[in-house]
Protein backbone atom coordinates (compact mmCIF):
# COMPACT_ATOMS: atom_id res chain seq x y z
CA UNK A 1 0.07 -0.16 -0.11
CA UNK A 2 1.17 3.40 -0.75
CA UNK A 3 2.07 5.38 2.34
CA UNK A 4 3.22 8.73 0.56
CA UNK A 5 2.00 11.56 2.51
CA UNK A 6 1.05 9.80 5.64
CA UNK A 7 2.60 10.85 9.03
CA UNK A 8 4.34 8.38 11.21
CA UNK A 9 1.36 8.07 13.57
CA UNK A 10 -0.86 7.09 10.52
CA UNK A 11 1.63 4.56 9.25
CA UNK A 12 1.66 2.91 12.56
CA UNK A 13 -2.05 2.77 12.80
CA UNK A 14 -2.35 1.45 9.29
CA UNK A 15 0.31 -1.45 10.14
CA UNK A 16 -1.69 -2.13 13.48
CA UNK A 17 -4.97 -2.44 11.33
CA UNK A 18 -3.57 -4.79 8.70
CA UNK A 19 -2.18 -6.94 11.47
CA UNK A 20 -5.45 -6.97 13.37
CA UNK A 21 -7.56 -7.52 10.33
CA UNK A 22 -5.23 -9.96 8.41
CA UNK A 23 -7.38 -12.94 9.18
CA UNK A 24 -10.65 -11.46 9.03
CA UNK A 25 -13.55 -13.63 7.59
CA UNK A 26 -11.26 -16.64 7.33
CA UNK A 27 -10.96 -19.94 9.39
CA UNK A 28 -8.55 -18.30 11.91
CA UNK A 29 -11.03 -15.66 12.68
CA UNK A 30 -12.89 -17.55 15.91
CA UNK A 31 -16.00 -15.23 15.61
CA UNK A 32 -16.24 -16.00 12.00
CA UNK A 33 -15.81 -19.51 12.44
CA UNK A 34 -18.70 -19.79 15.05
CA UNK A 35 -20.92 -18.13 12.67
CA UNK A 36 -20.00 -20.35 9.82
CA UNK A 37 -20.39 -23.47 12.00
CA UNK A 38 -23.99 -22.40 13.08
CA UNK A 39 -25.06 -21.56 9.68
CA UNK A 40 -27.88 -19.38 8.54
CA UNK A 41 -31.68 -20.05 8.65
CA UNK A 42 -33.75 -20.19 5.71
CA UNK A 43 -35.55 -16.98 4.74
CA UNK A 44 -39.31 -16.86 5.54
CA UNK A 45 -41.29 -17.36 2.53
CA UNK A 46 -45.00 -16.84 2.54
CA UNK A 47 -47.07 -19.13 0.66
CA UNK A 48 -49.02 -18.30 -1.74
CA UNK A 49 -46.54 -15.58 -2.50
CA UNK A 50 -48.42 -14.09 -5.71
CA UNK A 51 -51.40 -12.01 -5.26
CA UNK A 52 -54.80 -13.31 -6.37
CA UNK A 53 -56.23 -12.37 -9.43
CA UNK A 54 -59.49 -10.32 -10.03
CA UNK A 55 -59.17 -8.02 -7.06
CA UNK A 56 -60.78 -5.29 -9.40
CA UNK A 57 -58.18 -2.76 -7.96
CA UNK A 58 -58.18 0.34 -10.14
CA UNK A 59 -56.70 3.79 -9.34
CA UNK A 60 -59.37 6.56 -9.45
CA UNK A 61 -57.84 8.23 -12.52
CA UNK A 62 -55.24 7.18 -15.08
CA UNK A 63 -52.26 9.25 -16.30
CA UNK A 64 -54.15 9.38 -19.93
CA UNK A 65 -57.21 10.88 -18.09
CA UNK A 66 -55.28 13.48 -16.54
CA UNK A 67 -53.39 14.53 -19.52
CA UNK A 68 -56.92 14.72 -21.33
CA UNK A 69 -57.95 17.21 -18.85
CA UNK A 70 -54.96 19.52 -19.44
CA UNK A 71 -54.97 19.16 -23.09
CA UNK A 72 -58.39 20.19 -23.43
CA UNK A 73 -58.08 23.32 -21.41
CA UNK A 74 -59.66 22.02 -18.32
CA UNK A 75 -57.75 24.57 -15.88
CA UNK A 76 -59.72 24.45 -12.72
CA UNK A 77 -58.53 26.99 -10.22
CA UNK A 78 -57.57 24.58 -7.54
CA UNK A 79 -57.00 27.25 -4.91
CA UNK A 80 -60.61 28.31 -5.20
CA UNK A 81 -61.85 24.85 -5.16
CA UNK A 82 -63.48 23.32 -2.13
CA UNK A 83 -61.06 20.61 -2.00
CA UNK A 84 -57.46 21.84 -2.32
CA UNK A 85 -55.97 24.47 -0.19
CA UNK A 86 -59.36 24.96 1.56
CA UNK A 87 -57.76 24.51 4.98
CA UNK A 88 -56.15 27.93 4.33
CA UNK A 89 -59.56 29.67 4.52
CA UNK A 90 -61.19 27.73 7.54
CA UNK A 91 -61.29 29.25 10.75
CA UNK A 92 -61.23 27.08 13.84
């Protein structure tokens, strides 16, 4: 590894880290060996994992319908509509 530009303390720290982690994730790493001996469990799988067909879910409006409203000049002023932004005019 290139140690150009490192201080002596940084070089010593780097050498210490390389010595400490030289056998990491190998058979010489005791913690890793324990985990590998235990093994991993199977992931939970829900059966049936596919959704049932025919649920009749449909969004309220499609992109095509929204584009049609914009293209035909349907420019409602939403700030005066009873829905959008109405909370600004309410007094509690």
